[in-house]
Amino acid sequence: DMGISVRALLRKNTEPYEQPGLAEDRFSDNELLDAMLAHPILINRPVVVTPLGTKLCRPSEAVLDILPDPQQGAFTKEDGEVVIDEHGHRVSH
């Protein structure tokens, strides 16, 4: 549904990624999926599903593109960066 490859969903900054050499192109999609099932930390997230589509929402404000209704209130990222103000307006950076 996301239109991305299995490898694009693979989280690279984790120990399980480095250990079996998953960076190498020798792994099939099924082998990568098996690794993700064995080590869920390898799955890049969050993956959000709405009636408008499915998307890997990194950075977190990417979720705004697939919300069926516009964000009504403030939206602040985990690091404190304001994306939408208290009036529902997108803040440009």
PDB file of N, CA and C in Angstrom:
ATOM      1  N   ASP A   1       0.808  -1.209   0.000  1.00  0.00           N
ATOM      2  CA  ASP A   1       0.000   0.000   0.000  1.00  0.00           C
ATOM      3  C   ASP A   1       0.848   1.270   0.000  1.00  0.00           C
ATOM      4  N   MET A   2       2.031   1.210   0.605  1.00  0.00           N
ATOM      5  CA  MET A   2       2.858   2.412   0.714  1.00  0.00           C
ATOM      6  C   MET A   2       3.622   2.716  -0.555  1.00  0.00           C
ATOM      7  N   GLY A   3       3.765   1.735  -1.427  1.00  0.00           N
ATOM      8  CA  GLY A   3       4.515   1.951  -2.648  1.00  0.00           C
ATOM      9  C   GLY A   3       6.014   2.081  -2.417  1.00  0.00           C
ATOM     10  N   ILE A   4       6.518   1.464  -1.335  1.00  0.00           N
ATOM     11  CA  ILE A   4       7.955   1.478  -1.078  1.00  0.00           C
ATOM     12  C   ILE A   4       8.459   0.041  -1.043  1.00  0.00           C
ATOM     13  N   SER A   5       9.748  -0.122  -1.197  1.00  0.00           N
ATOM     14  CA  SER A   5      10.334  -1.456  -1.160  1.00  0.00           C
ATOM     15  C   SER A   5      10.443  -1.954   0.281  1.00  0.00           C
ATOM     16  N   VAL A   6      10.620  -3.254   0.411  1.00  0.00           N
ATOM     17  CA  VAL A   6      10.840  -3.837   1.740  1.00  0.00           C
ATOM     18  C   VAL A   6      12.084  -3.221   2.358  1.00  0.00           C
ATOM     19  N   ARG A   7      13.125  -3.060   1.574  1.00  0.00           N
ATOM     20  CA  ARG A   7      14.374  -2.484   2.090  1.00  0.00           C
ATOM     21  C   ARG A   7      14.163  -1.054   2.600  1.00  0.00           C
ATOM     22  N   ALA A   8      13.275  -0.289   1.970  1.00  0.00           N
ATOM     23  CA  ALA A   8      12.995   1.082   2.409  1.00  0.00           C
ATOM     24  C   ALA A   8      12.318   1.105   3.782  1.00  0.00           C
ATOM     25  N   LEU A   9      11.672   0.009   4.147  1.00  0.00           N
ATOM     26  CA  LEU A   9      11.015  -0.073   5.457  1.00  0.00           C
ATOM     27  C   LEU A   9      11.975  -0.580   6.535  1.00  0.00           C
ATOM     28  N   LEU A  10      13.160  -0.977   6.141  1.00  0.00           N
ATOM     29  CA  LEU A  10      14.151  -1.539   7.055  1.00  0.00           C
ATOM     30  C   LEU A  10      14.847  -0.435   7.833  1.00  0.00           C
ATOM     31  N   ARG A  11      14.796  -0.539   9.147  1.00  0.00           N
ATOM     32  CA  ARG A  11      15.451   0.437  10.018  1.00  0.00           C
ATOM     33  C   ARG A  11      16.930   0.092  10.116  1.00  0.00           C
ATOM     34  N   LYS A  12      17.770   1.047   9.784  1.00  0.00           N
ATOM     35  CA  LYS A  12      19.192   0.768   9.646  1.00  0.00           C
ATOM     36  C   LYS A  12      20.036   1.084  10.882  1.00  0.00           C
ATOM     37  N   ASN A  13      19.569   1.916  11.754  1.00  0.00           N
ATOM     38  CA  ASN A  13      20.398   2.332  12.895  1.00  0.00           C
ATOM     39  C   ASN A  13      20.150   1.466  14.132  1.00  0.00           C
ATOM     40  N   THR A  14      20.110   0.142  13.939  1.00  0.00           N
ATOM     41  CA  THR A  14      19.909  -0.789  15.052  1.00  0.00           C
ATOM     42  C   THR A  14      20.959  -1.888  14.987  1.00  0.00           C
ATOM     43  N   GLU A  15      21.233  -2.491  16.124  1.00  0.00           N
ATOM     44  CA  GLU A  15      22.213  -3.572  16.177  1.00  0.00           C
ATOM     45  C   GLU A  15      21.805  -4.769  15.316  1.00  0.00           C
ATOM     46  N   PRO A  16      20.529  -5.189  15.334  1.00  0.00           N
ATOM     47  CA  PRO A  16      20.175  -6.346  14.495  1.00  0.00           C
ATOM     48  C   PRO A  16      20.424  -6.097  13.003  1.00  0.00           C
ATOM     49  N   TYR A  17      20.456  -4.849  12.568  1.00  0.00           N
ATOM     50  CA  TYR A  17      20.725  -4.542  11.167  1.00  0.00           C
ATOM     51  C   TYR A  17      22.191  -4.808  10.831  1.00  0.00           C
ATOM     52  N   GLU A  18      23.072  -4.423  11.719  1.00  0.00           N
ATOM     53  CA  GLU A  18      24.507  -4.567  11.476  1.00  0.00           C
ATOM     54  C   GLU A  18      24.974  -6.016  11.588  1.00  0.00           C
ATOM     55  N   GLN A  19      24.413  -6.755  12.539  1.00  0.00           N
ATOM     56  CA  GLN A  19      24.916  -8.088  12.841  1.00  0.00           C
ATOM     57  C   GLN A  19      24.853  -9.071  11.672  1.00  0.00           C
ATOM     58  N   PRO A  20      23.702  -9.315  11.062  1.00  0.00           N
ATOM     59  CA  PRO A  20      23.692 -10.315   9.993  1.00  0.00           C
ATOM     60  C   PRO A  20      24.103  -9.762   8.633  1.00  0.00           C
ATOM     61  N   GLY A  21      24.530  -8.503   8.566  1.00  0.00           N
ATOM     62  CA  GLY A  21      24.958  -7.932   7.295  1.00  0.00           C
ATOM     63  C   GLY A  21      23.801  -7.573   6.384  1.00  0.00           C
ATOM     64  N   LEU A  22      22.686  -7.124   6.947  1.00  0.00           N
ATOM     65  CA  LEU A  22      21.505  -6.808   6.143  1.00  0.00           C
ATOM     66  C   LEU A  22      21.739  -5.665   5.156  1.00  0.00           C
ATOM     67  N   ALA A  23      22.805  -4.920   5.341  1.00  0.00           N
ATOM     68  CA  ALA A  23      23.115  -3.828   4.415  1.00  0.00           C
ATOM     69  C   ALA A  23      23.498  -4.357   3.038  1.00  0.00           C
ATOM     70  N   GLU A  24      23.934  -5.593   2.992  1.00  0.00           N
ATOM     71  CA  GLU A  24      24.333  -6.196   1.718  1.00  0.00           C
ATOM     72  C   GLU A  24      23.102  -6.483   0.870  1.00  0.00           C
ATOM     73  N   ASP A  25      23.232  -6.336  -0.428  1.00  0.00           N
ATOM     74  CA  ASP A  25      22.107  -6.538  -1.348  1.00  0.00           C
ATOM     75  C   ASP A  25      21.796  -8.010  -1.626  1.00  0.00           C
ATOM     76  N   ARG A  26      22.423  -8.927  -0.929  1.00  0.00           N
ATOM     77  CA  ARG A  26      22.236 -10.356  -1.224  1.00  0.00           C
ATOM     78  C   ARG A  26      20.955 -10.936  -0.634  1.00  0.00           C
ATOM     79  N   PHE A  27      20.223 -10.163   0.172  1.00  0.00           N
ATOM     80  CA  PHE A  27      19.013 -10.660   0.817  1.00  0.00           C
ATOM     81  C   PHE A  27      17.783 -10.387  -0.037  1.00  0.00           C
ATOM     82  N   SER A  28      16.929 -11.388  -0.169  1.00  0.00           N
ATOM     83  CA  SER A  28      15.664 -11.217  -0.896  1.00  0.00           C
ATOM     84  C   SER A  28      14.672 -10.467  -0.012  1.00  0.00           C
ATOM     85  N   ASP A  29      13.588 -10.016  -0.606  1.00  0.00           N
ATOM     86  CA  ASP A  29      12.536  -9.358   0.173  1.00  0.00           C
ATOM     87  C   ASP A  29      12.017 -10.292   1.258  1.00  0.00           C
ATOM     88  N   ASN A  30      11.816 -11.566   0.933  1.00  0.00           N
ATOM     89  CA  ASN A  30      11.313 -12.525   1.927  1.00  0.00           C
ATOM     90  C   ASN A  30      12.296 -12.704   3.076  1.00  0.00           C
ATOM     91  N   GLU A  31      13.583 -12.721   2.775  1.00  0.00           N
ATOM     92  CA  GLU A  31      14.589 -12.840   3.837  1.00  0.00           C
ATOM     93  C   GLU A  31      14.582 -11.586   4.723  1.00  0.00           C
ATOM     94  N   LEU A  32      14.423 -10.421   4.116  1.00  0.00           N
ATOM     95  CA  LEU A  32      14.346  -9.180   4.899  1.00  0.00           C
ATOM     96  C   LEU A  32      13.096  -9.179   5.780  1.00  0.00           C
ATOM     97  N   LEU A  33      11.960  -9.633   5.223  1.00  0.00           N
ATOM     98  CA  LEU A  33      10.729  -9.722   6.017  1.00  0.00           C
ATOM     99  C   LEU A  33      10.893 -10.695   7.172  1.00  0.00           C
ATOM    100  N   ASP A  34      11.560 -11.833   6.928  1.00  0.00           N
ATOM    101  CA  ASP A  34      11.816 -12.790   8.008  1.00  0.00           C
ATOM    102  C   ASP A  34      12.653 -12.152   9.112  1.00  0.00           C
ATOM    103  N   ALA A  35      13.656 -11.358   8.726  1.00  0.00           N
ATOM    104  CA  ALA A  35      14.491 -10.667   9.720  1.00  0.00           C
ATOM    105  C   ALA A  35      13.662  -9.670  10.519  1.00  0.00           C
ATOM    106  N   MET A  36      12.754  -8.956   9.842  1.00  0.00           N
ATOM    107  CA  MET A  36      11.891  -7.987  10.530  1.00  0.00           C
ATOM    108  C   MET A  36      10.941  -8.689  11.496  1.00  0.00           C
ATOM    109  N   LEU A  37      10.429  -9.840  11.101  1.00  0.00           N
ATOM    110  CA  LEU A  37       9.541 -10.591  11.993  1.00  0.00           C
ATOM    111  C   LEU A  37      10.299 -11.120  13.204  1.00  0.00           C
ATOM    112  N   ALA A  38      11.536 -11.533  12.996  1.00  0.00           N
ATOM    113  CA  ALA A  38      12.355 -12.038  14.104  1.00  0.00           C
ATOM    114  C   ALA A  38      12.820 -10.909  15.020  1.00  0.00           C
ATOM    115  N   HIS A  39      13.028  -9.729  14.443  1.00  0.00           N
ATOM    116  CA  HIS A  39      13.526  -8.563  15.194  1.00  0.00           C
ATOM    117  C   HIS A  39      12.680  -7.345  14.807  1.00  0.00           C
ATOM    118  N   PRO A  40      11.491  -7.174  15.402  1.00  0.00           N
ATOM    119  CA  PRO A  40      10.596  -6.064  15.029  1.00  0.00           C
ATOM    120  C   PRO A  40      11.236  -4.681  15.107  1.00  0.00           C
ATOM    121  N   ILE A  41      12.305  -4.540  15.876  1.00  0.00           N
ATOM    122  CA  ILE A  41      12.991  -3.243  15.942  1.00  0.00           C
ATOM    123  C   ILE A  41      13.549  -2.844  14.575  1.00  0.00           C
ATOM    124  N   LEU A  42      13.677  -3.807  13.664  1.00  0.00           N
ATOM    125  CA  LEU A  42      14.158  -3.523  12.311  1.00  0.00           C
ATOM    126  C   LEU A  42      13.119  -2.828  11.433  1.00  0.00           C
ATOM    127  N   ILE A  43      11.880  -2.765  11.890  1.00  0.00           N
ATOM    128  CA  ILE A  43      10.817  -2.141  11.098  1.00  0.00           C
ATOM    129  C   ILE A  43      10.795  -0.645  11.381  1.00  0.00           C
ATOM    130  N   ASN A  44      11.040   0.133  10.350  1.00  0.00           N
ATOM    131  CA  ASN A  44      10.969   1.585  10.472  1.00  0.00           C
ATOM    132  C   ASN A  44       9.520   1.956  10.770  1.00  0.00           C
ATOM    133  N   ARG A  45       9.282   2.850  11.663  1.00  0.00           N
ATOM    134  CA  ARG A  45       7.925   3.178  12.069  1.00  0.00           C
ATOM    135  C   ARG A  45       7.848   4.636  12.494  1.00  0.00           C
ATOM    136  N   PRO A  46       6.695   5.180  12.615  1.00  0.00           N
ATOM    137  CA  PRO A  46       5.386   4.526  12.556  1.00  0.00           C
ATOM    138  C   PRO A  46       4.860   4.415  11.118  1.00  0.00           C
ATOM    139  N   VAL A  47       4.141   3.338  10.890  1.00  0.00           N
ATOM    140  CA  VAL A  47       3.402   3.159   9.653  1.00  0.00           C
ATOM    141  C   VAL A  47       1.952   3.474  10.000  1.00  0.00           C
ATOM    142  N   VAL A  48       1.359   4.422   9.291  1.00  0.00           N
ATOM    143  CA  VAL A  48       0.008   4.888   9.587  1.00  0.00           C
ATOM    144  C   VAL A  48      -0.902   4.543   8.414  1.00  0.00           C
ATOM    145  N   VAL A  49      -2.087   4.005   8.742  1.00  0.00           N
ATOM    146  CA  VAL A  49      -3.082   3.645   7.732  1.00  0.00           C
ATOM    147  C   VAL A  49      -4.318   4.497   7.965  1.00  0.00           C
ATOM    148  N   THR A  50      -4.766   5.210   6.911  1.00  0.00           N
ATOM    149  CA  THR A  50      -5.999   5.993   6.963  1.00  0.00           C
ATOM    150  C   THR A  50      -6.777   5.693   5.679  1.00  0.00           C
ATOM    151  N   PRO A  51      -8.011   6.177   5.583  1.00  0.00           N
ATOM    152  CA  PRO A  51      -8.741   5.985   4.319  1.00  0.00           C
ATOM    153  C   PRO A  51      -8.039   6.616   3.116  1.00  0.00           C
ATOM    154  N   LEU A  52      -7.125   7.552   3.353  1.00  0.00           N
ATOM    155  CA  LEU A  52      -6.414   8.212   2.256  1.00  0.00           C
ATOM    156  C   LEU A  52      -5.117   7.504   1.867  1.00  0.00           C
ATOM    157  N   GLY A  53      -4.734   6.483   2.615  1.00  0.00           N
ATOM    158  CA  GLY A  53      -3.537   5.748   2.248  1.00  0.00           C
ATOM    159  C   GLY A  53      -2.748   5.248   3.434  1.00  0.00           C
ATOM    160  N   THR A  54      -1.648   4.607   3.112  1.00  0.00           N
ATOM    161  CA  THR A  54      -0.734   4.048   4.098  1.00  0.00           C
ATOM    162  C   THR A  54       0.615   4.702   3.876  1.00  0.00           C
ATOM    163  N   LYS A  55       1.258   5.113   4.969  1.00  0.00           N
ATOM    164  CA  LYS A  55       2.508   5.856   4.819  1.00  0.00           C
ATOM    165  C   LYS A  55       3.427   5.616   6.009  1.00  0.00           C
ATOM    166  N   LEU A  56       4.724   5.524   5.710  1.00  0.00           N
ATOM    167  CA  LEU A  56       5.736   5.547   6.750  1.00  0.00           C
ATOM    168  C   LEU A  56       5.862   7.006   7.162  1.00  0.00           C
ATOM    169  N   CYS A  57       5.508   7.309   8.383  1.00  0.00           N
ATOM    170  CA  CYS A  57       5.415   8.713   8.818  1.00  0.00           C
ATOM    171  C   CYS A  57       6.662   9.144   9.579  1.00  0.00           C
ATOM    172  N   ARG A  58       7.757   9.197   8.851  1.00  0.00           N
ATOM    173  CA  ARG A  58       9.012   9.733   9.333  1.00  0.00           C
ATOM    174  C   ARG A  58       9.451  10.777   8.336  1.00  0.00           C
ATOM    175  N   PRO A  59       9.546  11.988   8.695  1.00  0.00           N
ATOM    176  CA  PRO A  59       9.293  12.568  10.009  1.00  0.00           C
ATOM    177  C   PRO A  59       7.809  12.527  10.358  1.00  0.00           C
ATOM    178  N   SER A  60       7.516  12.691  11.622  1.00  0.00           N
ATOM    179  CA  SER A  60       6.160  12.502  12.132  1.00  0.00           C
ATOM    180  C   SER A  60       5.118  13.388  11.459  1.00  0.00           C
ATOM    181  N   GLU A  61       5.499  14.562  10.981  1.00  0.00           N
ATOM    182  CA  GLU A  61       4.509  15.431  10.341  1.00  0.00           C
ATOM    183  C   GLU A  61       4.046  14.896   8.991  1.00  0.00           C
ATOM    184  N   ALA A  62       4.685  13.851   8.483  1.00  0.00           N
ATOM    185  CA  ALA A  62       4.235  13.226   7.233  1.00  0.00           C
ATOM    186  C   ALA A  62       2.824  12.670   7.370  1.00  0.00           C
ATOM    187  N   VAL A  63       2.396  12.402   8.587  1.00  0.00           N
ATOM    188  CA  VAL A  63       1.035  11.902   8.830  1.00  0.00           C
ATOM    189  C   VAL A  63      -0.006  12.924   8.378  1.00  0.00           C
ATOM    190  N   LEU A  64       0.332  14.195   8.391  1.00  0.00           N
ATOM    191  CA  LEU A  64      -0.622  15.240   8.016  1.00  0.00           C
ATOM    192  C   LEU A  64      -1.090  15.090   6.573  1.00  0.00           C
ATOM    193  N   ASP A  65      -0.254  14.490   5.719  1.00  0.00           N
ATOM    194  CA  ASP A  65      -0.596  14.317   4.308  1.00  0.00           C
ATOM    195  C   ASP A  65      -1.680  13.276   4.076  1.00  0.00           C
ATOM    196  N   ILE A  66      -1.900  12.375   5.041  1.00  0.00           N
ATOM    197  CA  ILE A  66      -2.883  11.307   4.824  1.00  0.00           C
ATOM    198  C   ILE A  66      -4.038  11.345   5.822  1.00  0.00           C
ATOM    199  N   LEU A  67      -4.154  12.422   6.572  1.00  0.00           N
ATOM    200  CA  LEU A  67      -5.307  12.559   7.470  1.00  0.00           C
ATOM    201  C   LEU A  67      -6.540  12.900   6.647  1.00  0.00           C
ATOM    202  N   PRO A  68      -7.661  12.203   6.881  1.00  0.00           N
ATOM    203  CA  PRO A  68      -8.866  12.503   6.111  1.00  0.00           C
ATOM    204  C   PRO A  68      -9.410  13.907   6.386  1.00  0.00           C
ATOM    205  N   ASP A  69      -9.190  14.414   7.582  1.00  0.00           N
ATOM    206  CA  ASP A  69      -9.615  15.768   7.949  1.00  0.00           C
ATOM    207  C   ASP A  69      -8.374  16.552   8.365  1.00  0.00           C
ATOM    208  N   PRO A  70      -8.326  17.848   8.059  1.00  0.00           N
ATOM    209  CA  PRO A  70      -7.154  18.643   8.432  1.00  0.00           C
ATOM    210  C   PRO A  70      -6.947  18.669   9.949  1.00  0.00           C
ATOM    211  N   GLN A  71      -5.708  18.783  10.352  1.00  0.00           N
ATOM    212  CA  GLN A  71      -5.360  18.914  11.766  1.00  0.00           C
ATOM    213  C   GLN A  71      -6.053  20.157  12.313  1.00  0.00           C
ATOM    214  N   GLN A  72      -6.762  20.030  13.417  1.00  0.00           N
ATOM    215  CA  GLN A  72      -7.557  21.132  13.963  1.00  0.00           C
ATOM    216  C   GLN A  72      -6.828  21.955  15.023  1.00  0.00           C
ATOM    217  N   GLY A  73      -5.894  21.341  15.726  1.00  0.00           N
ATOM    218  CA  GLY A  73      -5.209  22.056  16.793  1.00  0.00           C
ATOM    219  C   GLY A  73      -3.708  21.987  16.612  1.00  0.00           C
ATOM    220  N   ALA A  74      -2.994  22.284  17.672  1.00  0.00           N
ATOM    221  CA  ALA A  74      -1.536  22.304  17.626  1.00  0.00           C
ATOM    222  C   ALA A  74      -0.978  20.913  17.379  1.00  0.00           C
ATOM    223  N   PHE A  75       0.135  20.865  16.674  1.00  0.00           N
ATOM    224  CA  PHE A  75       0.878  19.637  16.427  1.00  0.00           C
ATOM    225  C   PHE A  75       2.333  19.953  16.672  1.00  0.00           C
ATOM    226  N   THR A  76       2.894  19.332  17.689  1.00  0.00           N
ATOM    227  CA  THR A  76       4.282  19.553  18.058  1.00  0.00           C
ATOM    228  C   THR A  76       5.021  18.233  17.993  1.00  0.00           C
ATOM    229  N   LYS A  77       6.176  18.239  17.356  1.00  0.00           N
ATOM    230  CA  LYS A  77       6.972  17.026  17.226  1.00  0.00           C
ATOM    231  C   LYS A  77       7.583  16.636  18.561  1.00  0.00           C
ATOM    232  N   GLU A  78       8.117  15.416  18.602  1.00  0.00           N
ATOM    233  CA  GLU A  78       8.722  14.882  19.821  1.00  0.00           C
ATOM    234  C   GLU A  78       9.853  15.765  20.338  1.00  0.00           C
ATOM    235  N   ASP A  79      10.561  16.447  19.426  1.00  0.00           N
ATOM    236  CA  ASP A  79      11.680  17.283  19.832  1.00  0.00           C
ATOM    237  C   ASP A  79      11.269  18.706  20.204  1.00  0.00           C
ATOM    238  N   GLY A  80       9.954  18.975  20.198  1.00  0.00           N
ATOM    239  CA  GLY A  80       9.448  20.286  20.576  1.00  0.00           C
ATOM    240  C   GLY A  80       9.187  21.224  19.406  1.00  0.00           C
ATOM    241  N   GLU A  81       9.559  20.805  18.190  1.00  0.00           N
ATOM    242  CA  GLU A  81       9.328  21.647  17.017  1.00  0.00           C
ATOM    243  C   GLU A  81       7.835  21.744  16.728  1.00  0.00           C
ATOM    244  N   VAL A  82       7.325  22.974  16.631  1.00  0.00           N
ATOM    245  CA  VAL A  82       5.910  23.198  16.345  1.00  0.00           C
ATOM    246  C   VAL A  82       5.703  23.099  14.837  1.00  0.00           C
ATOM    247  N   VAL A  83       4.778  22.222  14.412  1.00  0.00           N
ATOM    248  CA  VAL A  83       4.475  22.034  12.999  1.00  0.00           C
ATOM    249  C   VAL A  83       3.179  22.761  12.650  1.00  0.00           C
ATOM    250  N   ILE A  84       2.190  22.669  13.538  1.00  0.00           N
ATOM    251  CA  ILE A  84       0.911  23.364  13.367  1.00  0.00           C
ATOM    252  C   ILE A  84       0.634  24.128  14.657  1.00  0.00           C
ATOM    253  N   ASP A  85       0.265  25.394  14.527  1.00  0.00           N
ATOM    254  CA  ASP A  85       0.014  26.210  15.715  1.00  0.00           C
ATOM    255  C   ASP A  85      -1.350  25.909  16.318  1.00  0.00           C
ATOM    256  N   GLU A  86      -1.654  26.565  17.397  1.00  0.00           N
ATOM    257  CA  GLU A  86      -2.905  26.311  18.139  1.00  0.00           C
ATOM    258  C   GLU A  86      -4.163  26.652  17.349  1.00  0.00           C
ATOM    259  N   HIS A  87      -4.010  27.375  16.248  1.00  0.00           N
ATOM    260  CA  HIS A  87      -5.153  27.733  15.407  1.00  0.00           C
ATOM    261  C   HIS A  87      -5.319  26.788  14.220  1.00  0.00           C
ATOM    262  N   GLY A  88      -4.468  25.759  14.150  1.00  0.00           N
ATOM    263  CA  GLY A  88      -4.537  24.802  13.060  1.00  0.00           C
ATOM    264  C   GLY A  88      -3.798  25.226  11.807  1.00  0.00           C
ATOM    265  N   HIS A  89      -2.935  26.230  11.905  1.00  0.00           N
ATOM    266  CA  HIS A  89      -2.173  26.716  10.759  1.00  0.00           C
ATOM    267  C   HIS A  89      -0.765  26.113  10.756  1.00  0.00           C
ATOM    268  N   ARG A  90      -0.329  25.678   9.586  1.00  0.00           N
ATOM    269  CA  ARG A  90       0.999  25.116   9.442  1.00  0.00           C
ATOM    270  C   ARG A  90       2.054  26.199   9.658  1.00  0.00           C
ATOM    271  N   VAL A  91       3.066  25.882  10.450  1.00  0.00           N
ATOM    272  CA  VAL A  91       4.150  26.803  10.736  1.00  0.00           C
ATOM    273  C   VAL A  91       5.264  26.495   9.751  1.00  0.00           C
ATOM    274  N   SER A  92       5.731  27.503   9.011  1.00  0.00           N
ATOM    275  CA  SER A  92       6.811  27.266   8.056  1.00  0.00           C
ATOM    276  C   SER A  92       8.162  27.458   8.741  1.00  0.00           C
ATOM    277  N   HIS A  93       9.096  26.644   8.351  1.00  0.00           N
ATOM    278  CA  HIS A  93      10.445  26.709   8.942  1.00  0.00           C
ATOM    279  C   HIS A  93      11.463  26.999   7.897  1.00  0.00           C
TER     280      HIS A  93
END
